[in-house]
Amino acid sequence: NAAIPLSASWTQGRDVRVSDRITVPLTIAGTVLLPRDHNRWADAKRRAVLAHEASHVERGDYYTLLLATLHRAVFWFSPAAWWLNNHLAELAEANSDSDALKQMEDRLNYAEILVEMAAKASRLPAGLAMARPATVATRVDRILQGGALPIRMNARRWALILALLAPAAMATAGTTGM
């Protein structure tokens, strides 16, 4: 059951598809996947979701997190590898939330969308889901408090973090006899 391409004007020419296999929006590589019920969403919700997911695509978050996950798999014994993977995922979500809020400008409504998505989230395929239940509380709190978002991460900064942690992980591997 393949995802069906969606060619509506509000997709702004992006690769947006509809899938019966998901319950929340998510991004895999350069493709935004929407659940079947997306056509019942209000326009503001649709704009916020598209802005959030398009932000992941534009920054290449899928690929960065794929590399971070591979790094964690190789250096599974290193707490730094686990921290890096989680921290990069949190930054990706925070930056996408920021971009969505620029479109929506209504913190409470956007927070409600995140909570709704987290309640609908089930086991997800490999991708960047808009609202994972484990992280949504922190994100909603930051959004409602109007707090500063973490530093904007671009591909160069993420690559620098990976490059800085790789030698430390290699040194750790060398001392453990691997």
Protein backbone atom coordinates (compact mmCIF):
# COMPACT_ATOMS: atom_id res chain seq x y z
CA ASN A 1 0.00 0.00 0.00
CA ALA A 2 2.00 2.97 -1.29
CA ALA A 3 1.49 6.56 -0.23
CA ILE A 4 -0.64 8.52 -2.69
CA PRO A 5 0.83 11.80 -4.02
CA LEU A 6 -1.21 14.86 -3.11
CA SER A 7 -1.34 17.67 -5.64
CA ALA A 8 -3.30 20.39 -3.87
CA SER A 9 -2.37 24.06 -4.19
CA TRP A 10 -1.62 24.38 -0.45
CA THR A 11 1.24 21.85 -0.76
CA GLN A 12 3.19 24.57 -2.60
CA GLY A 13 4.71 22.05 -5.02
CA ARG A 14 6.26 19.95 -2.26
CA ASP A 15 6.37 16.17 -2.32
CA VAL A 16 3.38 15.55 -0.04
CA ARG A 17 1.74 12.15 0.10
CA VAL A 18 -1.14 10.54 1.96
CA SER A 19 -0.76 7.21 3.70
CA ASP A 20 -3.16 4.87 5.48
CA ARG A 21 -0.26 3.52 7.55
CA ILE A 22 0.33 6.61 9.68
CA THR A 23 -1.74 8.54 12.18
CA VAL A 24 0.38 11.71 12.42
CA PRO A 25 2.32 13.77 9.87
CA LEU A 26 5.93 12.82 9.36
CA THR A 27 8.86 13.41 7.06
CA ILE A 28 10.93 10.72 5.40
CA ALA A 29 13.84 12.11 3.39
CA GLY A 30 12.29 14.85 1.21
CA THR A 31 8.73 13.55 1.42
CA VAL A 32 6.03 14.80 3.77
CA LEU A 33 3.53 12.08 4.68
CA LEU A 34 0.08 12.96 5.96
CA PRO A 35 -2.53 10.70 7.51
CA ARG A 36 -5.75 9.98 5.65
CA ASP A 37 -7.77 12.40 7.83
CA HIS A 38 -5.71 15.47 6.77
CA ASN A 39 -8.59 16.66 4.57
CA ARG A 40 -10.68 17.33 7.70
CA TRP A 41 -8.10 19.72 9.19
CA ALA A 42 -8.66 23.46 9.43
CA ASP A 43 -6.56 25.58 7.07
CA ALA A 44 -4.48 26.97 9.97
CA LYS A 45 -3.64 23.45 11.13
CA ARG A 46 -2.71 22.37 7.62
CA ARG A 47 -0.42 25.42 7.21
CA ALA A 48 1.26 24.77 10.57
CA VAL A 49 1.80 21.08 9.79
CA LEU A 50 3.20 21.82 6.34
CA ALA A 51 5.51 24.53 7.73
CA HIS A 52 6.76 22.17 10.44
CA GLU A 53 7.40 19.25 8.09
CA ALA A 54 8.80 21.43 5.28
CA SER A 55 11.26 22.85 7.79
CA HIS A 56 12.60 19.32 8.41
CA VAL A 57 12.97 18.78 4.65
CA GLU A 58 14.72 22.11 4.03
CA ARG A 59 17.30 21.50 6.75
CA GLY A 60 17.85 17.85 5.82
CA ASP A 61 16.95 16.69 9.33
CA TYR A 62 16.13 13.16 8.17
CA TYR A 63 19.66 12.63 6.88
CA THR A 64 21.33 14.24 9.87
CA LEU A 65 19.35 12.09 12.27
CA LEU A 66 20.00 9.01 10.16
CA LEU A 67 23.75 9.67 10.52
CA ALA A 68 23.35 10.31 14.25
CA THR A 69 21.44 7.03 14.60
CA LEU A 70 24.16 5.14 12.72
CA HIS A 71 26.75 6.82 14.95
CA ARG A 72 24.81 5.68 18.01
CA ALA A 73 24.57 2.14 16.63
CA VAL A 74 28.34 1.94 16.13
CA PHE A 75 29.18 3.61 19.44
CA TRP A 76 26.23 2.19 21.40
CA PHE A 77 28.40 1.91 24.51
CA SER A 78 29.08 5.67 24.62
CA PRO A 79 26.67 7.90 26.53
CA ALA A 80 27.79 10.74 24.24
CA ALA A 81 26.43 8.90 21.19
CA TRP A 82 23.04 8.49 22.86
CA TRP A 83 23.03 12.10 24.04
CA LEU A 84 23.97 13.38 20.58
CA ASN A 85 21.18 11.43 18.89
CA ASN A 86 18.56 12.69 21.35
CA HIS A 87 19.86 16.26 21.35
CA LEU A 88 19.88 16.53 17.56
CA ALA A 89 16.30 15.20 17.43
CA GLU A 90 15.22 17.76 20.04
CA LEU A 91 16.89 20.58 18.11
CA ALA A 92 15.27 19.47 14.86
CA GLU A 93 11.83 19.56 16.48
CA ALA A 94 12.45 22.89 18.22
CA ASN A 95 13.55 24.51 14.97
CA SER A 96 10.57 23.09 13.07
CA ASP A 97 8.22 24.28 15.82
CA SER A 98 9.73 27.75 15.48
CA ASP A 99 9.14 27.74 11.72
CA ALA A 100 5.55 26.54 12.18
CA LEU A 101 4.88 29.27 14.74
CA LYS A 102 6.02 31.89 12.22
CA GLN A 103 3.17 30.68 9.97
CA MET A 104 0.63 30.33 12.74
CA GLU A 105 1.52 33.01 15.32
CA ASP A 106 -0.84 31.39 17.81
CA ARG A 107 1.15 29.52 20.44
CA LEU A 108 -1.85 28.00 22.20
CA ASN A 109 -3.42 26.66 19.00
CA TYR A 110 -0.08 25.20 17.87
CA ALA A 111 0.46 23.58 21.28
CA GLU A 112 -3.02 22.04 21.01
CA ILE A 113 -2.11 20.62 17.59
CA LEU A 114 1.03 19.01 19.06
CA VAL A 115 -0.90 17.48 21.95
CA GLU A 116 -3.55 16.15 19.55
CA MET A 117 -0.86 14.63 17.31
CA ALA A 118 0.94 13.05 20.27
CA ALA A 119 -2.32 11.46 21.42
CA LYS A 120 -2.79 9.94 17.95
CA ALA A 121 0.81 8.78 17.54
CA SER A 122 1.27 5.05 17.34
CA ARG A 123 4.25 2.98 16.30
CA LEU A 124 5.84 5.01 13.53
CA PRO A 125 8.06 4.09 10.62
CA ALA A 126 11.55 5.55 10.43
CA GLY A 127 11.00 9.24 9.94
CA LEU A 128 10.56 12.54 11.71
CA ALA A 129 7.11 12.53 13.25
CA MET A 130 5.56 15.86 14.13
CA ALA A 131 4.77 14.86 17.72
CA ARG A 132 6.32 11.95 19.54
CA PRO A 133 4.59 11.44 22.90
CA ALA A 134 7.92 11.28 24.79
CA THR A 135 8.98 14.80 23.77
CA VAL A 136 5.76 16.72 23.34
CA ALA A 137 5.42 17.90 26.95
CA THR A 138 8.75 19.73 26.86
CA ARG A 139 7.95 21.22 23.47
CA VAL A 140 4.49 22.41 24.54
CA ASP A 141 5.92 23.94 27.71
CA ARG A 142 8.56 25.86 25.71
CA ILE A 143 5.94 27.02 23.18
CA LEU A 144 3.46 28.21 25.81
CA GLN A 145 6.14 29.92 27.90
CA GLY A 146 7.36 31.72 24.80
CA GLY A 147 10.84 30.68 25.79
CA ALA A 148 13.84 30.96 23.57
CA LEU A 149 14.33 28.11 21.22
CA PRO A 150 17.69 26.40 21.09
CA ILE A 151 20.29 27.72 18.68
CA ARG A 152 19.24 27.21 15.07
CA MET A 153 21.10 24.24 13.73
CA ASN A 154 22.08 24.00 10.11
CA ALA A 155 23.86 21.15 8.36
CA ARG A 156 27.28 22.70 8.99
CA ARG A 157 26.73 22.94 12.77
CA TRP A 158 25.40 19.39 12.95
CA ALA A 159 28.34 18.07 10.96
CA LEU A 160 30.68 19.91 13.33
CA ILE A 161 29.07 18.27 16.36
CA LEU A 162 29.40 14.84 14.74
CA ALA A 163 33.00 15.54 13.76
CA LEU A 164 33.89 16.63 17.29
CA LEU A 165 32.28 13.62 18.92
CA ALA A 166 33.66 11.03 16.49
CA PRO A 167 37.29 11.21 17.75
CA ALA A 168 36.13 10.96 21.35
CA ALA A 169 34.06 7.91 20.48
CA MET A 170 37.00 6.39 18.59
CA ALA A 171 39.28 6.99 21.57
CA THR A 172 36.73 5.35 23.84
CA ALA A 173 36.51 2.38 21.46
CA GLY A 174 40.30 2.07 21.49
CA THR A 175 40.46 2.01 25.28
CA THR A 176 37.77 -0.64 25.58
CA GLY A 177 39.63 -3.02 23.29
CA MET A 178 37.23 -2.85 20.35
